[in-house]
Amino acid sequence: MITVERRWLRVNKHHPCQICEKPDWCGISSEFCLAICMRVQSQRPTRNGGWMHRLADDPPDVVYSKPIRTDAEPTINCGQYYADFMKGVSKKDVAAHAKSLGVDAESLFRLRIGWSEKDEAWSFPMERRRGADFRISGFRLRADDGSKWAVTGSKAGLFVPQATKWGKGLFIAEGPTDTAALLSLGINAIGRPSCLGQEDIIMDYVQMAKSTVVSIASDPDGPGLTGSELLAQRLHSKGIPVRILCPPRSADFRSYIREGATRETIMMLFHNANAWRPGNG
């Protein structure tokens, strides 16, 4: 599990409450896929007189915590974990896993896939800024059955591929496998652990990559779109052009690509999408 900062954002007319659909009083937690609605009751009353509602059936792998410093260091030896995970991985096994996911094996290697013998799961390192550098801050694990969690003591970060020639365009995906799917098509992409959160770290990478246009590869469900809107709002506020792309008739971009979408198909989505503006997301 990942411990992250507890942060609640107020709803507004551009991002109304998903429970009562009103633009005031209520709040949303971008880290936990949760909403506090002041009008619609649930079985989880809150201290401020509202009620807690979950916005996703598969919430991020986090634990509820008191606010922590955003520059806090991981409580694990990331270098040692990385070395151990890389010892356990083989090219043959990665190739078989890539085939099962419908992605290119090279894209998984670029994301520094490893194997945890103890957990019997694939590992993906996450990065965040530490001083002037970007360093591994934790690991997301993924079992063959699709279940996902993080190494205890990790700090949430981004999945960043190696050997990337940063260009003016950058895609931001949800999870390492959606990121790998986009990389398989030759599209510059980084990923975040879930559909919500990591906005500050994403800003760091966008600025580092000198990206002039950012595309958010969003799942088409409610939580995915909510997280994409929040991220788009943050990027737009810094003057960075941003578009939100959703795969038609597919649950996520990996499924969309596995079903036959090509680089040209994805770029057509990009060119047909309007630049995000407050109120037109």
Protein backbone atom coordinates (compact mmCIF):
# COMPACT_ATOMS: atom_id res chain seq x y z
CA MET A 1 0.00 0.00 0.00
CA ILE A 2 1.08 3.60 -0.69
CA THR A 3 0.75 6.31 1.93
CA VAL A 4 -0.18 9.63 0.34
CA GLU A 5 -1.16 13.08 1.46
CA ARG A 6 -4.81 13.54 2.36
CA ARG A 7 -6.19 16.37 0.21
CA TRP A 8 -9.80 17.37 -0.44
CA LEU A 9 -10.86 19.63 -3.29
CA ARG A 10 -14.08 21.60 -3.31
CA VAL A 11 -16.51 20.99 -6.16
CA ASN A 12 -17.43 23.87 -8.45
CA LYS A 13 -19.61 24.58 -11.49
CA HIS A 14 -17.04 23.02 -13.80
CA HIS A 15 -16.54 19.97 -11.56
CA PRO A 16 -19.85 19.36 -9.72
CA CYS A 17 -20.35 16.66 -7.13
CA GLN A 18 -20.74 13.28 -8.81
CA ILE A 19 -23.22 12.20 -6.17
CA CYS A 20 -25.75 15.07 -6.02
CA GLU A 21 -24.56 16.90 -9.18
CA LYS A 22 -24.50 20.24 -7.32
CA PRO A 23 -21.62 22.77 -7.67
CA ASP A 24 -21.16 23.64 -4.00
CA TRP A 25 -20.70 22.36 -0.45
CA CYS A 26 -19.31 18.94 -1.43
CA GLY A 27 -15.71 17.76 -1.86
CA ILE A 28 -13.63 15.17 -3.72
CA SER A 29 -10.38 13.48 -2.78
CA SER A 30 -8.17 13.18 -5.86
CA GLU A 31 -5.96 10.56 -4.13
CA PHE A 32 -8.66 8.22 -2.85
CA CYS A 33 -11.48 8.19 -5.45
CA LEU A 34 -13.81 9.37 -2.69
CA ALA A 35 -16.42 12.09 -2.42
CA ILE A 36 -18.02 13.76 0.58
CA CYS A 37 -21.56 14.74 -0.38
CA MET A 38 -23.44 17.14 1.89
CA ARG A 39 -26.86 16.15 0.51
CA VAL A 40 -27.00 12.43 -0.30
CA GLN A 41 -26.71 10.06 2.65
CA SER A 42 -24.61 6.91 2.79
CA GLN A 43 -23.64 4.47 5.53
CA ARG A 44 -20.47 6.50 6.19
CA PRO A 45 -21.31 9.85 7.87
CA THR A 46 -18.44 12.36 8.17
CA ARG A 47 -17.54 14.82 10.91
CA ASN A 48 -18.52 17.82 8.81
CA GLY A 49 -22.11 16.64 8.50
CA GLY A 50 -21.82 15.00 5.09
CA TRP A 51 -21.55 11.42 3.89
CA MET A 52 -18.65 9.54 2.29
CA HIS A 53 -19.15 7.91 -1.13
CA ARG A 54 -16.67 5.84 -3.14
CA LEU A 55 -16.27 6.87 -6.78
CA ALA A 56 -14.52 3.72 -8.03
CA ASP A 57 -14.88 -0.01 -7.50
CA ASP A 58 -11.09 -0.38 -7.79
CA PRO A 59 -9.65 2.52 -5.76
CA PRO A 60 -5.94 3.40 -5.73
CA ASP A 61 -3.69 1.27 -3.53
CA VAL A 62 -3.37 3.78 -0.71
CA VAL A 63 -3.91 4.02 3.00
CA TYR A 64 -5.61 6.96 4.70
CA SER A 65 -3.09 9.10 6.49
CA LYS A 66 -2.49 12.44 8.10
CA PRO A 67 -0.99 15.06 5.78
CA ILE A 68 2.67 14.40 5.08
CA ARG A 69 5.43 16.41 3.44
CA THR A 70 5.29 16.01 -0.32
CA ASP A 71 9.10 15.78 -0.40
CA ALA A 72 9.19 12.99 2.21
CA GLU A 73 11.57 10.16 1.37
CA PRO A 74 10.45 6.55 0.87
CA THR A 75 10.87 4.36 3.93
CA ILE A 76 12.39 1.52 1.90
CA ASN A 77 15.75 1.11 0.19
CA CYS A 78 14.54 1.59 -3.37
CA GLY A 79 17.95 0.80 -4.85
CA GLN A 80 18.08 -2.59 -3.14
CA TYR A 81 14.50 -3.44 -4.10
CA TYR A 82 15.22 -2.49 -7.70
CA ALA A 83 18.33 -4.68 -7.83
CA ASP A 84 16.45 -7.64 -6.33
CA PHE A 85 13.51 -7.26 -8.72
CA MET A 86 15.79 -7.05 -11.75
CA LYS A 87 17.60 -10.24 -10.71
CA GLY A 88 14.33 -12.16 -10.82
CA VAL A 89 13.23 -11.19 -14.33
CA SER A 90 14.02 -12.99 -17.58
CA LYS A 91 13.59 -11.89 -21.19
CA LYS A 92 11.59 -15.02 -21.98
CA ASP A 93 9.11 -14.41 -19.16
CA VAL A 94 8.74 -10.73 -20.04
CA ALA A 95 8.06 -11.64 -23.67
CA ALA A 96 5.32 -14.05 -22.58
CA HIS A 97 3.83 -11.45 -20.23
CA ALA A 98 3.92 -8.81 -22.95
CA LYS A 99 2.03 -11.13 -25.29
CA SER A 100 -0.63 -11.75 -22.66
CA LEU A 101 -1.06 -7.99 -22.19
CA GLY A 102 -1.04 -7.21 -25.89
CA VAL A 103 1.97 -4.89 -25.69
CA ASP A 104 5.51 -4.90 -27.05
CA ALA A 105 8.10 -6.50 -24.74
CA GLU A 106 10.50 -3.62 -25.37
CA SER A 107 7.98 -1.21 -23.87
CA LEU A 108 8.00 -3.20 -20.62
CA PHE A 109 11.80 -3.24 -20.54
CA ARG A 110 11.80 0.55 -21.03
CA LEU A 111 9.54 0.79 -17.97
CA ARG A 112 12.13 -1.34 -16.11
CA ILE A 113 9.84 -4.25 -15.40
CA GLY A 114 11.09 -6.63 -12.73
CA TRP A 115 9.86 -9.68 -10.84
CA SER A 116 9.21 -10.07 -7.13
CA GLU A 117 9.74 -13.68 -6.13
CA LYS A 118 8.26 -13.04 -2.70
CA ASP A 119 5.04 -11.56 -4.06
CA GLU A 120 4.93 -13.56 -7.29
CA ALA A 121 4.22 -10.35 -9.13
CA TRP A 122 5.70 -8.06 -11.74
CA SER A 123 7.27 -4.85 -10.47
CA PHE A 124 7.30 -1.38 -11.99
CA PRO A 125 9.38 1.42 -10.42
CA MET A 126 7.80 4.82 -9.80
CA GLU A 127 9.78 8.08 -9.94
CA ARG A 128 9.41 11.53 -8.44
CA ARG A 129 11.61 14.59 -8.06
CA ARG A 130 14.23 14.53 -5.32
CA GLY A 131 16.10 17.82 -5.28
CA ALA A 132 17.35 18.49 -8.81
CA ASP A 133 16.99 14.85 -9.91
CA PHE A 134 14.24 12.31 -10.53
CA ARG A 135 14.70 9.09 -8.58
CA ILE A 136 12.83 5.88 -7.85
CA SER A 137 10.39 6.45 -4.99
CA GLY A 138 8.60 3.12 -4.84
CA PHE A 139 7.23 0.15 -6.73
CA ARG A 140 3.86 -0.92 -8.07
CA LEU A 141 3.31 -4.68 -8.20
CA ARG A 142 1.01 -6.48 -10.65
CA ALA A 143 0.10 -10.16 -10.44
CA ASP A 144 -0.75 -12.26 -13.48
CA ASP A 145 -4.41 -12.20 -12.48
CA GLY A 146 -4.42 -8.40 -12.82
CA SER A 147 -4.48 -7.54 -9.11
CA LYS A 148 -2.37 -4.49 -8.24
CA TRP A 149 -0.74 -3.11 -5.10
CA ALA A 150 2.43 -1.32 -4.03
CA VAL A 151 5.45 -2.23 -1.93
CA THR A 152 4.90 -1.04 1.64
CA GLY A 153 6.97 2.07 2.29
CA SER A 154 6.78 3.29 -1.32
CA LYS A 155 5.97 6.87 -2.22
CA ALA A 156 3.69 7.32 -5.20
CA GLY A 157 5.32 8.53 -8.39
CA LEU A 158 5.16 8.10 -12.14
CA PHE A 159 6.05 5.30 -14.53
CA VAL A 160 8.68 6.84 -16.80
CA PRO A 161 10.24 4.94 -19.72
CA GLN A 162 13.95 4.90 -20.38
CA ALA A 163 15.46 5.85 -23.74
CA THR A 164 12.81 8.48 -24.47
CA LYS A 165 13.50 11.37 -26.84
CA TRP A 166 11.16 13.93 -25.36
CA GLY A 167 9.24 15.86 -28.00
CA LYS A 168 6.59 18.53 -27.92
CA GLY A 169 3.83 15.96 -27.43
CA LEU A 170 3.39 13.86 -24.29
CA PHE A 171 0.66 11.37 -23.34
CA ILE A 172 -0.21 10.68 -19.70
CA ALA A 173 -1.71 7.23 -19.15
CA GLU A 174 -3.26 5.40 -16.22
CA GLY A 175 -1.08 2.57 -14.95
CA PRO A 176 2.07 0.92 -16.35
CA THR A 177 0.32 -1.36 -18.84
CA ASP A 178 -1.63 1.44 -20.56
CA THR A 179 1.67 3.34 -20.67
CA ALA A 180 3.36 0.30 -22.24
CA ALA A 181 0.58 0.01 -24.82
CA LEU A 182 1.13 3.60 -25.97
CA LEU A 183 4.90 3.13 -26.00
CA SER A 184 4.40 0.05 -28.18
CA LEU A 185 2.99 2.36 -30.86
CA GLY A 186 5.94 4.74 -30.63
CA ILE A 187 4.02 7.37 -28.64
CA ASN A 188 5.82 9.32 -25.91
CA ALA A 189 4.03 8.47 -22.69
CA ILE A 190 4.38 8.41 -18.93
CA GLY A 191 1.90 6.90 -16.49
CA ARG A 192 0.49 7.55 -13.03
CA PRO A 193 -0.60 4.78 -10.64
CA SER A 194 -4.32 5.57 -10.82
CA CYS A 195 -6.81 7.88 -12.45
CA LEU A 196 -6.39 10.52 -9.74
CA GLY A 197 -3.49 12.25 -8.03
CA GLN A 198 0.20 12.94 -8.76
CA GLU A 199 -0.56 16.31 -10.39
CA ASP A 200 2.50 18.00 -8.87
CA ILE A 201 4.85 15.24 -10.04
CA ILE A 202 3.32 15.31 -13.52
CA MET A 203 3.98 19.04 -13.68
CA ASP A 204 7.62 18.34 -12.84
CA TYR A 205 7.95 15.93 -15.76
CA VAL A 206 6.05 18.08 -18.22
CA GLN A 207 8.40 20.95 -17.45
CA MET A 208 11.46 18.68 -17.61
CA ALA A 209 10.38 17.28 -20.99
CA LYS A 210 9.54 20.79 -22.26
CA SER A 211 6.26 19.40 -23.58
CA THR A 212 4.13 21.98 -25.37
CA VAL A 213 1.05 19.77 -25.76
CA VAL A 214 -0.15 17.19 -23.24
CA SER A 215 -2.75 14.50 -23.95
CA ILE A 216 -4.42 12.72 -21.04
CA ALA A 217 -5.23 9.13 -22.06
CA SER A 218 -8.30 8.71 -19.89
CA ASP A 219 -10.49 5.73 -19.12
CA PRO A 220 -14.04 6.63 -20.19
CA ASP A 221 -15.63 5.93 -16.79
CA GLY A 222 -16.64 8.45 -14.12
CA PRO A 223 -13.50 8.30 -11.93
CA GLY A 224 -11.23 8.34 -14.98
CA LEU A 225 -12.87 11.43 -16.41
CA THR A 226 -12.93 13.15 -13.01
CA GLY A 227 -9.21 12.58 -12.56
CA SER A 228 -8.49 13.74 -16.11
CA GLU A 229 -10.51 16.93 -15.61
CA LEU A 230 -8.61 17.74 -12.42
CA LEU A 231 -5.26 17.18 -14.11
CA ALA A 232 -6.31 19.15 -17.18
CA GLN A 233 -7.37 22.03 -14.97
CA ARG A 234 -3.95 22.04 -13.30
CA LEU A 235 -2.03 21.93 -16.60
CA HIS A 236 -4.24 24.60 -18.16
CA SER A 237 -3.68 26.89 -15.19
CA LYS A 238 0.06 26.79 -16.01
CA GLY A 239 -0.52 27.69 -19.65
CA ILE A 240 0.10 24.17 -20.99
CA PRO A 241 -2.24 23.12 -23.84
CA VAL A 242 -3.99 19.88 -22.88
CA ARG A 243 -6.50 17.49 -24.42
CA ILE A 244 -8.44 14.61 -22.88
CA LEU A 245 -8.67 11.50 -25.07
CA CYS A 246 -10.94 8.51 -24.40
CA PRO A 247 -10.90 5.20 -26.27
CA PRO A 248 -14.23 4.64 -28.04
CA ARG A 249 -15.98 1.40 -27.13
CA SER A 250 -13.11 0.20 -24.93
CA ALA A 251 -12.50 0.16 -21.17
CA ASP A 252 -8.99 1.60 -21.44
CA PHE A 253 -6.25 2.40 -23.95
CA ARG A 254 -4.52 -0.97 -23.62
CA SER A 255 -7.76 -2.72 -24.55
CA TYR A 256 -8.31 -0.26 -27.38
CA ILE A 257 -4.86 -0.93 -28.81
CA ARG A 258 -5.17 -4.66 -28.27
CA GLU A 259 -8.41 -4.56 -30.26
CA GLY A 260 -6.58 -3.08 -33.25
CA ALA A 261 -6.07 0.65 -32.68
CA THR A 262 -2.89 1.90 -34.37
CA ARG A 263 -0.70 4.94 -33.91
CA GLU A 264 -2.67 6.61 -36.70
CA THR A 265 -5.93 5.82 -34.88
CA ILE A 266 -4.64 7.37 -31.65
CA MET A 267 -3.37 10.46 -33.45
CA MET A 268 -6.75 10.83 -35.14
CA LEU A 269 -8.31 10.92 -31.67
CA PHE A 270 -5.80 13.61 -30.76
CA HIS A 271 -6.52 15.78 -33.79
CA ASN A 272 -10.29 15.42 -33.34
CA ALA A 273 -10.18 16.39 -29.64
CA ASN A 274 -10.68 20.01 -28.64
CA ALA A 275 -8.12 21.77 -26.51
CA TRP A 276 -9.36 21.62 -22.92
CA ARG A 277 -10.87 24.78 -21.48
CA PRO A 278 -12.73 25.29 -18.19
CA GLY A 279 -16.32 24.30 -18.81
CA ASN A 280 -15.78 22.42 -22.08
CA GLY A 281 -13.97 19.33 -20.77
